[in-house]
Amino acid sequence: MGSGPPTYDPEPTALPHAEPEELGELVADTVLDGARYGTWTLRSVSLRGDSARYRGEPRRDALLTARFGTGDHALVLVAMATGARATPEAHLAAAEACRWIGRAVGRSHQRLAEDIRATRRADLKAGLHRLTDRSLGRLRTSALERGARPEEYTATLRCLLLPADPYCRTRVFFGVGDGGLFQLRDGSWRDIEPRATEHAPPEPPGTPEPAEEDDDRLTLDLGVPQGPYEQLPEPPPPPARDPFRFQVSLARPGDALLMCTPGLAEPLRGEPALSAYLSRRWSGRRPPGLAAFLADARVRVKGYADDRTAAALWEA
């Protein structure tokens, strides 16, 4: 799609360089995952971009899909991260960011699931902000250990928390950095990416919860007090970075929710043909299978050659 054919070949060409003693640091060209719990079906994918394929560079995006707990009390985390551009260990920083937030959420999953079912937004926003800061702070520690500058060994991070409880339709998004959060409803896309606010004051105790129609867009950037969740070790002092983003939404039957890194968010916003194509493909009564979702997610657009990582959620 776009003004002409994409510059690069449609299939992988060069492989990234490998060190014989560091084979565990290799990153696959593509990862694909999926699940179904309660009322929702999940599809997730991370693809190496055309530019990285051509240059033999590793995928800078990382993807983690994990379930914590069992039965209706289980909590599913989808985390995606993007390492800093033009840095040699970007893929390692992205993978580490996903692992740290996964450990933090896993340790606190019972309390998180309870707060989501009870829609305790104040507790969620404070606790998740703190877990995010601690997880990204660990990257600064790793940068020192690797002899790298913190601004090089860093990553953006975007996450969804999805309760397995079929009677809970609360969906929680949080993270730091650019990307996209879109809702497909009645065949039309809505861009619901939270706007980051630099100086949003905390809500005072006793603030009433908004009604469902007010819950579609909620963005918070707060000084975080001691939260109720599992704490990670204190990291080094943080450099300036993007504000924390947070949103709680209530899903409706027939909705589709898409979270993605800039590699898909930018062409989805910038190329109407791609937006229309994915709307047609993903508005059906049944979610696509894994192979179909992979084919849809890798539709190429002229002028966009970055890695693409996406997680889509269909509501029964």
C-alpha atoms as a PDB file:
ATOM      1  CA  MET A   1       0.000   0.000   0.000  1.00  0.00           C
ATOM      2  CA  GLY A   2       1.020   3.624  -0.431  1.00  0.00           C
ATOM      3  CA  SER A   3       2.422   5.716  -3.258  1.00  0.00           C
ATOM      4  CA  GLY A   4       4.406   2.828  -4.752  1.00  0.00           C
ATOM      5  CA  PRO A   5       5.992  -0.515  -3.978  1.00  0.00           C
ATOM      6  CA  PRO A   6       8.016  -0.703  -0.744  1.00  0.00           C
ATOM      7  CA  THR A   7      11.773  -0.321  -1.128  1.00  0.00           C
ATOM      8  CA  TYR A   8      12.820  -3.620   0.423  1.00  0.00           C
ATOM      9  CA  ASP A   9      12.116  -7.273  -0.331  1.00  0.00           C
ATOM     10  CA  PRO A  10       8.926  -8.696   1.223  1.00  0.00           C
ATOM     11  CA  GLU A  11      10.728 -11.598   2.910  1.00  0.00           C
ATOM     12  CA  PRO A  12      13.716 -11.805   5.280  1.00  0.00           C
ATOM     13  CA  THR A  13      17.129 -11.633   3.652  1.00  0.00           C
ATOM     14  CA  ALA A  14      20.193 -11.127   5.903  1.00  0.00           C
ATOM     15  CA  LEU A  15      20.451 -12.653   9.376  1.00  0.00           C
ATOM     16  CA  PRO A  16      21.868 -10.663  12.306  1.00  0.00           C
ATOM     17  CA  HIS A  17      25.459 -11.291  13.324  1.00  0.00           C
ATOM     18  CA  ALA A  18      25.865 -14.049  15.926  1.00  0.00           C
ATOM     19  CA  GLU A  19      28.538 -14.613  18.578  1.00  0.00           C
ATOM     20  CA  PRO A  20      29.195 -18.302  19.418  1.00  0.00           C
ATOM     21  CA  GLU A  21      29.237 -17.627  23.183  1.00  0.00           C
ATOM     22  CA  GLU A  22      26.120 -15.409  23.137  1.00  0.00           C
ATOM     23  CA  LEU A  23      23.599 -17.424  21.154  1.00  0.00           C
ATOM     24  CA  GLY A  24      20.973 -16.809  23.836  1.00  0.00           C
ATOM     25  CA  GLU A  25      20.884 -13.171  22.748  1.00  0.00           C
ATOM     26  CA  LEU A  26      19.652 -13.969  19.233  1.00  0.00           C
ATOM     27  CA  VAL A  27      16.159 -12.736  18.385  1.00  0.00           C
ATOM     28  CA  ALA A  28      13.810 -14.525  15.994  1.00  0.00           C
ATOM     29  CA  ASP A  29      12.575 -12.618  12.946  1.00  0.00           C
ATOM     30  CA  THR A  30       8.931 -13.186  13.964  1.00  0.00           C
ATOM     31  CA  VAL A  31       7.072 -14.314  17.078  1.00  0.00           C
ATOM     32  CA  LEU A  32       3.357 -15.109  17.168  1.00  0.00           C
ATOM     33  CA  ASP A  33       1.030 -15.913  20.065  1.00  0.00           C
ATOM     34  CA  GLY A  34      -2.619 -16.085  21.023  1.00  0.00           C
ATOM     35  CA  ALA A  35      -5.104 -17.072  23.724  1.00  0.00           C
ATOM     36  CA  ARG A  36      -8.798 -17.094  24.640  1.00  0.00           C
ATOM     37  CA  TYR A  37     -10.212 -16.489  28.129  1.00  0.00           C
ATOM     38  CA  GLY A  38     -13.644 -15.472  29.318  1.00  0.00           C
ATOM     39  CA  THR A  39     -15.175 -13.167  26.717  1.00  0.00           C
ATOM     40  CA  TRP A  40     -12.009 -12.177  24.844  1.00  0.00           C
ATOM     41  CA  THR A  41      -9.669 -13.642  22.237  1.00  0.00           C
ATOM     42  CA  LEU A  42      -6.081 -12.407  21.925  1.00  0.00           C
ATOM     43  CA  ARG A  43      -3.709 -12.375  18.983  1.00  0.00           C
ATOM     44  CA  SER A  44      -0.180 -10.956  19.294  1.00  0.00           C
ATOM     45  CA  VAL A  45       2.770 -10.714  16.923  1.00  0.00           C
ATOM     46  CA  SER A  46       6.203  -9.092  16.658  1.00  0.00           C
ATOM     47  CA  LEU A  47       7.836  -8.737  13.227  1.00  0.00           C
ATOM     48  CA  ARG A  48      11.273  -7.558  12.177  1.00  0.00           C
ATOM     49  CA  GLY A  49      10.940  -4.531   9.928  1.00  0.00           C
ATOM     50  CA  ASP A  50      11.884  -4.552   6.243  1.00  0.00           C
ATOM     51  CA  SER A  51      14.826  -2.227   6.892  1.00  0.00           C
ATOM     52  CA  ALA A  52      16.285  -4.458   9.624  1.00  0.00           C
ATOM     53  CA  ARG A  53      15.774  -7.531   7.462  1.00  0.00           C
ATOM     54  CA  TYR A  54      17.693  -5.923   4.610  1.00  0.00           C
ATOM     55  CA  ARG A  55      20.542  -4.708   6.833  1.00  0.00           C
ATOM     56  CA  GLY A  56      20.851  -7.912   8.861  1.00  0.00           C
ATOM     57  CA  GLU A  57      19.939  -6.158  12.115  1.00  0.00           C
ATOM     58  CA  PRO A  58      18.008  -7.819  14.957  1.00  0.00           C
ATOM     59  CA  ARG A  59      14.406  -6.970  15.737  1.00  0.00           C
ATOM     60  CA  ARG A  60      14.406  -4.047  18.207  1.00  0.00           C
ATOM     61  CA  ASP A  61      10.866  -4.846  19.350  1.00  0.00           C
ATOM     62  CA  ALA A  62      10.204  -7.426  22.058  1.00  0.00           C
ATOM     63  CA  LEU A  63       6.922  -9.119  22.966  1.00  0.00           C
ATOM     64  CA  LEU A  64       5.855 -10.939  26.118  1.00  0.00           C
ATOM     65  CA  THR A  65       2.502 -12.673  26.600  1.00  0.00           C
ATOM     66  CA  ALA A  66       2.108 -14.290  30.026  1.00  0.00           C
ATOM     67  CA  ARG A  67      -0.656 -15.691  32.267  1.00  0.00           C
ATOM     68  CA  PHE A  68      -0.387 -15.456  36.035  1.00  0.00           C
ATOM     69  CA  GLY A  69      -2.763 -17.417  38.269  1.00  0.00           C
ATOM     70  CA  THR A  70      -5.418 -19.962  37.375  1.00  0.00           C
ATOM     71  CA  GLY A  71      -9.110 -20.128  36.558  1.00  0.00           C
ATOM     72  CA  ASP A  72     -11.250 -17.017  36.631  1.00  0.00           C
ATOM     73  CA  HIS A  73      -8.699 -15.343  38.913  1.00  0.00           C
ATOM     74  CA  ALA A  74      -5.947 -15.481  36.294  1.00  0.00           C
ATOM     75  CA  LEU A  75      -4.456 -12.285  34.881  1.00  0.00           C
ATOM     76  CA  VAL A  76      -2.907 -12.042  31.416  1.00  0.00           C
ATOM     77  CA  LEU A  77      -0.157  -9.528  30.675  1.00  0.00           C
ATOM     78  CA  VAL A  78       0.781  -8.451  27.167  1.00  0.00           C
ATOM     79  CA  ALA A  79       3.963  -6.359  27.184  1.00  0.00           C
ATOM     80  CA  MET A  80       5.816  -4.918  24.208  1.00  0.00           C
ATOM     81  CA  ALA A  81       8.961  -2.820  24.178  1.00  0.00           C
ATOM     82  CA  THR A  82      11.109  -1.051  21.583  1.00  0.00           C
ATOM     83  CA  GLY A  83      14.828  -0.471  22.061  1.00  0.00           C
ATOM     84  CA  ALA A  84      16.561   2.785  21.187  1.00  0.00           C
ATOM     85  CA  ARG A  85      17.228   3.280  17.495  1.00  0.00           C
ATOM     86  CA  ALA A  86      20.764   2.839  16.134  1.00  0.00           C
ATOM     87  CA  THR A  87      22.152   1.245  19.296  1.00  0.00           C
ATOM     88  CA  PRO A  88      23.849  -2.179  19.183  1.00  0.00           C
ATOM     89  CA  GLU A  89      22.006  -3.717  22.153  1.00  0.00           C
ATOM     90  CA  ALA A  90      18.541  -2.269  21.541  1.00  0.00           C
ATOM     91  CA  HIS A  91      17.005  -5.734  21.215  1.00  0.00           C
ATOM     92  CA  LEU A  92      18.461  -6.799  24.557  1.00  0.00           C
ATOM     93  CA  ALA A  93      17.125  -3.724  26.356  1.00  0.00           C
ATOM     94  CA  ALA A  94      13.637  -4.297  24.917  1.00  0.00           C
ATOM     95  CA  ALA A  95      13.609  -7.944  25.973  1.00  0.00           C
ATOM     96  CA  GLU A  96      14.854  -7.039  29.445  1.00  0.00           C
ATOM     97  CA  ALA A  97      12.159  -4.379  29.861  1.00  0.00           C
ATOM     98  CA  CYS A  98       9.496  -6.976  29.091  1.00  0.00           C
ATOM     99  CA  ARG A  99      11.026  -9.459  31.529  1.00  0.00           C
ATOM    100  CA  TRP A 100      11.194  -6.948  34.376  1.00  0.00           C
ATOM    101  CA  ILE A 101       7.618  -5.752  34.002  1.00  0.00           C
ATOM    102  CA  GLY A 102       6.541  -9.372  33.668  1.00  0.00           C
ATOM    103  CA  ARG A 103       8.227 -10.285  36.940  1.00  0.00           C
ATOM    104  CA  ALA A 104       6.756  -7.264  38.694  1.00  0.00           C
ATOM    105  CA  VAL A 105       3.217  -7.938  37.483  1.00  0.00           C
ATOM    106  CA  GLY A 106       3.555 -11.652  38.184  1.00  0.00           C
ATOM    107  CA  ARG A 107       4.529 -11.041  41.792  1.00  0.00           C
ATOM    108  CA  SER A 108       1.550  -8.735  42.280  1.00  0.00           C
ATOM    109  CA  HIS A 109      -0.998 -10.430  40.036  1.00  0.00           C
ATOM    110  CA  GLN A 110      -3.459 -11.365  42.775  1.00  0.00           C
ATOM    111  CA  ARG A 111      -3.790  -7.820  44.068  1.00  0.00           C
ATOM    112  CA  LEU A 112      -3.852  -6.432  40.541  1.00  0.00           C
ATOM    113  CA  ALA A 113      -6.657  -8.797  39.529  1.00  0.00           C
ATOM    114  CA  GLU A 114      -8.656  -7.802  42.610  1.00  0.00           C
ATOM    115  CA  ASP A 115      -8.195  -4.098  41.889  1.00  0.00           C
ATOM    116  CA  ILE A 116      -9.209  -4.566  38.250  1.00  0.00           C
ATOM    117  CA  ARG A 117     -12.389  -6.452  39.168  1.00  0.00           C
ATOM    118  CA  ALA A 118     -13.241  -3.760  41.736  1.00  0.00           C
ATOM    119  CA  THR A 119     -12.184  -0.943  39.336  1.00  0.00           C
ATOM    120  CA  ARG A 120      -9.900   0.629  41.935  1.00  0.00           C
ATOM    121  CA  ARG A 121      -8.361   3.049  39.472  1.00  0.00           C
ATOM    122  CA  ALA A 122      -6.448   5.098  42.024  1.00  0.00           C
ATOM    123  CA  ASP A 123      -4.652   2.022  43.342  1.00  0.00           C
ATOM    124  CA  LEU A 124      -4.037   0.704  39.838  1.00  0.00           C
ATOM    125  CA  LYS A 125      -2.574   3.905  38.459  1.00  0.00           C
ATOM    126  CA  ALA A 126      -0.262   4.416  41.439  1.00  0.00           C
ATOM    127  CA  GLY A 127       0.885   0.811  41.640  1.00  0.00           C
ATOM    128  CA  LEU A 128       1.411   0.336  37.906  1.00  0.00           C
ATOM    129  CA  HIS A 129       3.240   3.654  37.602  1.00  0.00           C
ATOM    130  CA  ARG A 130       5.616   2.518  40.316  1.00  0.00           C
ATOM    131  CA  LEU A 131       6.134  -0.944  38.804  1.00  0.00           C
ATOM    132  CA  THR A 132       6.843   0.649  35.421  1.00  0.00           C
ATOM    133  CA  ASP A 133       9.375   3.076  36.877  1.00  0.00           C
ATOM    134  CA  ARG A 134      11.121   0.292  38.774  1.00  0.00           C
ATOM    135  CA  SER A 135      11.211  -1.997  35.723  1.00  0.00           C
ATOM    136  CA  LEU A 136      12.661   0.657  33.416  1.00  0.00           C
ATOM    137  CA  GLY A 137      15.011   1.676  36.212  1.00  0.00           C
ATOM    138  CA  ARG A 138      16.528  -1.781  36.074  1.00  0.00           C
ATOM    139  CA  LEU A 139      17.644  -0.968  32.523  1.00  0.00           C
ATOM    140  CA  ARG A 140      19.746   1.875  33.905  1.00  0.00           C
ATOM    141  CA  THR A 141      21.406  -0.581  36.259  1.00  0.00           C
ATOM    142  CA  SER A 142      22.059  -2.962  33.360  1.00  0.00           C
ATOM    143  CA  ALA A 143      23.486  -0.097  31.286  1.00  0.00           C
ATOM    144  CA  LEU A 144      26.063   0.589  34.004  1.00  0.00           C
ATOM    145  CA  GLU A 145      26.934  -3.101  34.184  1.00  0.00           C
ATOM    146  CA  ARG A 146      27.391  -3.252  30.399  1.00  0.00           C
ATOM    147  CA  GLY A 147      29.398  -0.039  30.230  1.00  0.00           C
ATOM    148  CA  ALA A 148      26.708   1.610  28.091  1.00  0.00           C
ATOM    149  CA  ARG A 149      25.100   5.007  28.426  1.00  0.00           C
ATOM    150  CA  PRO A 150      21.583   4.921  29.946  1.00  0.00           C
ATOM    151  CA  GLU A 151      20.111   6.700  26.918  1.00  0.00           C
ATOM    152  CA  GLU A 152      21.440   3.910  24.695  1.00  0.00           C
ATOM    153  CA  TYR A 153      20.384   0.911  26.758  1.00  0.00           C
ATOM    154  CA  THR A 154      16.741   1.870  27.204  1.00  0.00           C
ATOM    155  CA  ALA A 155      13.315   1.053  25.788  1.00  0.00           C
ATOM    156  CA  THR A 156       9.745   2.197  25.531  1.00  0.00           C
ATOM    157  CA  LEU A 157       7.180  -0.075  27.181  1.00  0.00           C
ATOM    158  CA  ARG A 158       3.471  -0.655  26.523  1.00  0.00           C
ATOM    159  CA  CYS A 159       1.272  -3.151  28.378  1.00  0.00           C
ATOM    160  CA  LEU A 160      -2.236  -4.555  28.615  1.00  0.00           C
ATOM    161  CA  LEU A 161      -3.675  -6.269  31.678  1.00  0.00           C
ATOM    162  CA  LEU A 162      -6.539  -8.647  30.862  1.00  0.00           C
ATOM    163  CA  PRO A 163      -8.515 -10.494  33.549  1.00  0.00           C
ATOM    164  CA  ALA A 164      -9.666 -14.011  32.715  1.00  0.00           C
ATOM    165  CA  ASP A 165     -12.883 -13.480  34.715  1.00  0.00           C
ATOM    166  CA  PRO A 166     -15.733 -13.671  32.140  1.00  0.00           C
ATOM    167  CA  TYR A 167     -17.801 -11.214  34.210  1.00  0.00           C
ATOM    168  CA  CYS A 168     -15.090  -8.550  34.211  1.00  0.00           C
ATOM    169  CA  ARG A 169     -14.841  -6.416  31.073  1.00  0.00           C
ATOM    170  CA  THR A 170     -12.289  -3.959  32.460  1.00  0.00           C
ATOM    171  CA  ARG A 171      -9.175  -3.618  30.319  1.00  0.00           C
ATOM    172  CA  VAL A 172      -6.096  -1.766  31.598  1.00  0.00           C
ATOM    173  CA  PHE A 173      -3.425  -0.138  29.440  1.00  0.00           C
ATOM    174  CA  PHE A 174      -0.225   1.394  30.822  1.00  0.00           C
ATOM    175  CA  GLY A 175       3.272   2.230  29.717  1.00  0.00           C
ATOM    176  CA  VAL A 176       5.852   4.789  28.657  1.00  0.00           C
ATOM    177  CA  GLY A 177       6.671   5.954  25.144  1.00  0.00           C
ATOM    178  CA  ASP A 178       5.126   6.275  21.705  1.00  0.00           C
ATOM    179  CA  GLY A 179       2.930   3.763  19.931  1.00  0.00           C
ATOM    180  CA  GLY A 180      -0.765   3.262  19.368  1.00  0.00           C
ATOM    181  CA  LEU A 181      -3.919   2.242  21.170  1.00  0.00           C
ATOM    182  CA  PHE A 182      -6.930   1.869  18.881  1.00  0.00           C
ATOM    183  CA  GLN A 183     -10.490   0.664  19.265  1.00  0.00           C
ATOM    184  CA  LEU A 184     -12.433  -0.892  16.396  1.00  0.00           C
ATOM    185  CA  ARG A 185     -16.146  -0.443  17.011  1.00  0.00           C
ATOM    186  CA  ASP A 186     -18.946  -0.789  14.460  1.00  0.00           C
ATOM    187  CA  GLY A 187     -16.419  -1.007  11.639  1.00  0.00           C
ATOM    188  CA  SER A 188     -14.610   2.250  12.465  1.00  0.00           C
ATOM    189  CA  TRP A 189     -11.289   2.890  14.155  1.00  0.00           C
ATOM    190  CA  ARG A 190     -11.001   5.216  17.127  1.00  0.00           C
ATOM    191  CA  ASP A 191      -7.562   6.437  18.151  1.00  0.00           C
ATOM    192  CA  ILE A 192      -7.721   6.205  21.963  1.00  0.00           C
ATOM    193  CA  GLU A 193      -4.004   6.597  22.678  1.00  0.00           C
ATOM    194  CA  PRO A 194      -3.827   8.428  26.032  1.00  0.00           C
ATOM    195  CA  ARG A 195      -2.423  11.933  25.818  1.00  0.00           C
ATOM    196  CA  ALA A 196       0.535  12.243  28.169  1.00  0.00           C
ATOM    197  CA  THR A 197       0.157  15.147  30.590  1.00  0.00           C
ATOM    198  CA  GLU A 198       3.276  16.481  32.295  1.00  0.00           C
ATOM    199  CA  HIS A 199       1.711  17.891  35.440  1.00  0.00           C
ATOM    200  CA  ALA A 200      -1.589  16.132  36.083  1.00  0.00           C
ATOM    201  CA  PRO A 201      -2.385  16.456  39.813  1.00  0.00           C
ATOM    202  CA  PRO A 202      -3.322  13.311  41.729  1.00  0.00           C
ATOM    203  CA  GLU A 203      -6.979  12.787  42.443  1.00  0.00           C
ATOM    204  CA  PRO A 204      -7.876  13.549  46.061  1.00  0.00           C
ATOM    205  CA  PRO A 205      -9.043  10.686  48.293  1.00  0.00           C
ATOM    206  CA  GLY A 206     -12.710   9.901  47.840  1.00  0.00           C
ATOM    207  CA  THR A 207     -12.886  11.042  44.207  1.00  0.00           C
ATOM    208  CA  PRO A 208     -15.924   9.251  42.710  1.00  0.00           C
ATOM    209  CA  GLU A 209     -15.409   6.800  39.910  1.00  0.00           C
ATOM    210  CA  PRO A 210     -16.610   8.049  36.488  1.00  0.00           C
ATOM    211  CA  ALA A 211     -19.442   6.406  34.631  1.00  0.00           C
ATOM    212  CA  GLU A 212     -18.724   3.935  31.839  1.00  0.00           C
ATOM    213  CA  GLU A 213     -18.967   6.556  29.105  1.00  0.00           C
ATOM    214  CA  ASP A 214     -16.243   8.613  30.825  1.00  0.00           C
ATOM    215  CA  ASP A 215     -13.910   5.655  31.101  1.00  0.00           C
ATOM    216  CA  ASP A 216     -12.752   5.459  27.482  1.00  0.00           C
ATOM    217  CA  ARG A 217      -9.912   7.979  27.899  1.00  0.00           C
ATOM    218  CA  LEU A 218      -7.924   8.294  31.100  1.00  0.00           C
ATOM    219  CA  THR A 219      -4.339   9.545  31.121  1.00  0.00           C
ATOM    220  CA  LEU A 220      -2.227   9.964  34.219  1.00  0.00           C
ATOM    221  CA  ASP A 221       1.259  11.211  34.915  1.00  0.00           C
ATOM    222  CA  LEU A 222       1.617  11.315  38.670  1.00  0.00           C
ATOM    223  CA  GLY A 223       4.182  11.531  41.398  1.00  0.00           C
ATOM    224  CA  VAL A 224       3.643   8.047  42.760  1.00  0.00           C
ATOM    225  CA  PRO A 225       3.389   7.345  46.492  1.00  0.00           C
ATOM    226  CA  GLN A 226       4.259   3.983  47.976  1.00  0.00           C
ATOM    227  CA  GLY A 227       1.926   1.640  46.137  1.00  0.00           C
ATOM    228  CA  PRO A 228       0.263  -1.594  47.211  1.00  0.00           C
ATOM    229  CA  TYR A 229       2.213  -3.830  44.857  1.00  0.00           C
ATOM    230  CA  GLU A 230       5.396  -5.836  45.018  1.00  0.00           C
ATOM    231  CA  GLN A 231       8.427  -3.531  44.963  1.00  0.00           C
ATOM    232  CA  LEU A 232      11.600  -3.927  42.946  1.00  0.00           C
ATOM    233  CA  PRO A 233      15.027  -2.703  44.132  1.00  0.00           C
ATOM    234  CA  GLU A 234      15.564   1.041  43.867  1.00  0.00           C
ATOM    235  CA  PRO A 235      17.233   1.919  40.527  1.00  0.00           C
ATOM    236  CA  PRO A 236      19.738   4.711  39.888  1.00  0.00           C
ATOM    237  CA  PRO A 237      18.247   8.232  39.534  1.00  0.00           C
ATOM    238  CA  PRO A 238      16.219   8.374  36.313  1.00  0.00           C
ATOM    239  CA  PRO A 239      17.055  10.561  33.315  1.00  0.00           C
ATOM    240  CA  ALA A 240      14.290  12.588  31.698  1.00  0.00           C
ATOM    241  CA  ARG A 241      11.898  10.372  29.761  1.00  0.00           C
ATOM    242  CA  ASP A 242       8.381  10.262  28.415  1.00  0.00           C
ATOM    243  CA  PRO A 243       5.520  10.522  30.917  1.00  0.00           C
ATOM    244  CA  PHE A 244       3.615   7.530  32.187  1.00  0.00           C
ATOM    245  CA  ARG A 245       0.471   6.673  30.199  1.00  0.00           C
ATOM    246  CA  PHE A 246      -2.496   4.923  31.747  1.00  0.00           C
ATOM    247  CA  GLN A 247      -6.024   4.107  30.681  1.00  0.00           C
ATOM    248  CA  VAL A 248      -8.884   2.001  31.967  1.00  0.00           C
ATOM    249  CA  SER A 249     -11.688   1.107  29.564  1.00  0.00           C
ATOM    250  CA  LEU A 250     -14.799  -1.033  29.669  1.00  0.00           C
ATOM    251  CA  ALA A 251     -15.141  -3.349  26.689  1.00  0.00           C
ATOM    252  CA  ARG A 252     -18.380  -3.830  24.809  1.00  0.00           C
ATOM    253  CA  PRO A 253     -19.385  -6.976  22.918  1.00  0.00           C
ATOM    254  CA  GLY A 254     -18.099  -6.784  19.363  1.00  0.00           C
ATOM    255  CA  ASP A 255     -15.223  -4.409  20.140  1.00  0.00           C
ATOM    256  CA  ALA A 256     -11.671  -5.001  19.022  1.00  0.00           C
ATOM    257  CA  LEU A 257      -8.791  -3.346  20.870  1.00  0.00           C
ATOM    258  CA  LEU A 258      -5.369  -2.913  19.243  1.00  0.00           C
ATOM    259  CA  MET A 259      -2.148  -1.995  21.078  1.00  0.00           C
ATOM    260  CA  CYS A 260       0.969  -1.593  18.952  1.00  0.00           C
ATOM    261  CA  THR A 261       4.435  -0.098  18.677  1.00  0.00           C
ATOM    262  CA  PRO A 262       5.131   2.864  16.346  1.00  0.00           C
ATOM    263  CA  GLY A 263       5.997   0.495  13.499  1.00  0.00           C
ATOM    264  CA  LEU A 264       2.290  -0.248  13.039  1.00  0.00           C
ATOM    265  CA  ALA A 265       0.761   2.809  14.715  1.00  0.00           C
ATOM    266  CA  GLU A 266       2.390   5.256  12.290  1.00  0.00           C
ATOM    267  CA  PRO A 267       1.192   3.627   9.030  1.00  0.00           C
ATOM    268  CA  LEU A 268      -2.225   2.984  10.574  1.00  0.00           C
ATOM    269  CA  ARG A 269      -2.539   6.709  11.264  1.00  0.00           C
ATOM    270  CA  GLY A 270      -0.815   7.843   8.080  1.00  0.00           C
ATOM    271  CA  GLU A 271      -2.170   5.504   5.377  1.00  0.00           C
ATOM    272  CA  PRO A 272      -5.993   5.412   5.074  1.00  0.00           C
ATOM    273  CA  ALA A 273      -5.833   2.319   2.867  1.00  0.00           C
ATOM    274  CA  LEU A 274      -4.240   0.306   5.676  1.00  0.00           C
ATOM    275  CA  SER A 275      -6.796   1.539   8.190  1.00  0.00           C
ATOM    276  CA  ALA A 276      -9.636   0.563   5.855  1.00  0.00           C
ATOM    277  CA  TYR A 277      -8.077  -2.829   5.089  1.00  0.00           C
ATOM    278  CA  LEU A 278      -7.625  -3.823   8.723  1.00  0.00           C
ATOM    279  CA  SER A 279     -11.100  -2.560   9.555  1.00  0.00           C
ATOM    280  CA  ARG A 280     -12.582  -4.889   6.932  1.00  0.00           C
ATOM    281  CA  ARG A 281     -10.421  -7.803   8.006  1.00  0.00           C
ATOM    282  CA  TRP A 282     -10.964  -7.480  11.750  1.00  0.00           C
ATOM    283  CA  SER A 283     -14.632  -6.464  11.952  1.00  0.00           C
ATOM    284  CA  GLY A 284     -15.970  -9.991  11.513  1.00  0.00           C
ATOM    285  CA  ARG A 285     -17.892 -11.910  14.132  1.00  0.00           C
ATOM    286  CA  ARG A 286     -14.978 -14.305  14.615  1.00  0.00           C
ATOM    287  CA  PRO A 287     -11.381 -13.290  15.355  1.00  0.00           C
ATOM    288  CA  PRO A 288      -8.781 -14.256  12.740  1.00  0.00           C
ATOM    289  CA  GLY A 289      -6.653 -17.324  13.276  1.00  0.00           C
ATOM    290  CA  LEU A 290      -2.954 -16.962  14.011  1.00  0.00           C
ATOM    291  CA  ALA A 291      -1.863 -17.313  10.387  1.00  0.00           C
ATOM    292  CA  ALA A 292      -4.463 -14.815   9.156  1.00  0.00           C
ATOM    293  CA  PHE A 293      -3.539 -12.340  11.892  1.00  0.00           C
ATOM    294  CA  LEU A 294       0.131 -12.613  10.945  1.00  0.00           C
ATOM    295  CA  ALA A 295      -0.698 -11.981   7.273  1.00  0.00           C
ATOM    296  CA  ASP A 296      -2.780  -8.925   8.177  1.00  0.00           C
ATOM    297  CA  ALA A 297      -0.182  -7.474  10.549  1.00  0.00           C
ATOM    298  CA  ARG A 298       2.583  -7.654   7.946  1.00  0.00           C
ATOM    299  CA  VAL A 299       0.767  -5.824   5.127  1.00  0.00           C
ATOM    300  CA  ARG A 300       3.471  -3.513   3.797  1.00  0.00           C
ATOM    301  CA  VAL A 301       3.127   0.236   3.314  1.00  0.00           C
ATOM    302  CA  LYS A 302       5.466   2.393   1.256  1.00  0.00           C
ATOM    303  CA  GLY A 303       7.646   4.541   3.512  1.00  0.00           C
ATOM    304  CA  TYR A 304       7.219   2.472   6.689  1.00  0.00           C
ATOM    305  CA  ALA A 305       9.916  -0.145   7.308  1.00  0.00           C
ATOM    306  CA  ASP A 306      10.283  -0.380  11.113  1.00  0.00           C
ATOM    307  CA  ASP A 307       9.592  -3.382  13.306  1.00  0.00           C
ATOM    308  CA  ARG A 308       5.924  -4.032  13.997  1.00  0.00           C
ATOM    309  CA  THR A 309       4.560  -5.407  17.220  1.00  0.00           C
ATOM    310  CA  ALA A 310       0.830  -5.642  17.835  1.00  0.00           C
ATOM    311  CA  ALA A 311      -1.657  -7.220  20.219  1.00  0.00           C
ATOM    312  CA  ALA A 312      -5.337  -7.306  19.262  1.00  0.00           C
ATOM    313  CA  LEU A 313      -8.207  -8.263  21.516  1.00  0.00           C
ATOM    314  CA  TRP A 314     -11.648  -9.306  20.263  1.00  0.00           C
ATOM    315  CA  GLU A 315     -14.640  -9.169  22.622  1.00  0.00           C
ATOM    316  CA  ALA A 316     -17.347 -11.810  22.286  1.00  0.00           C
END
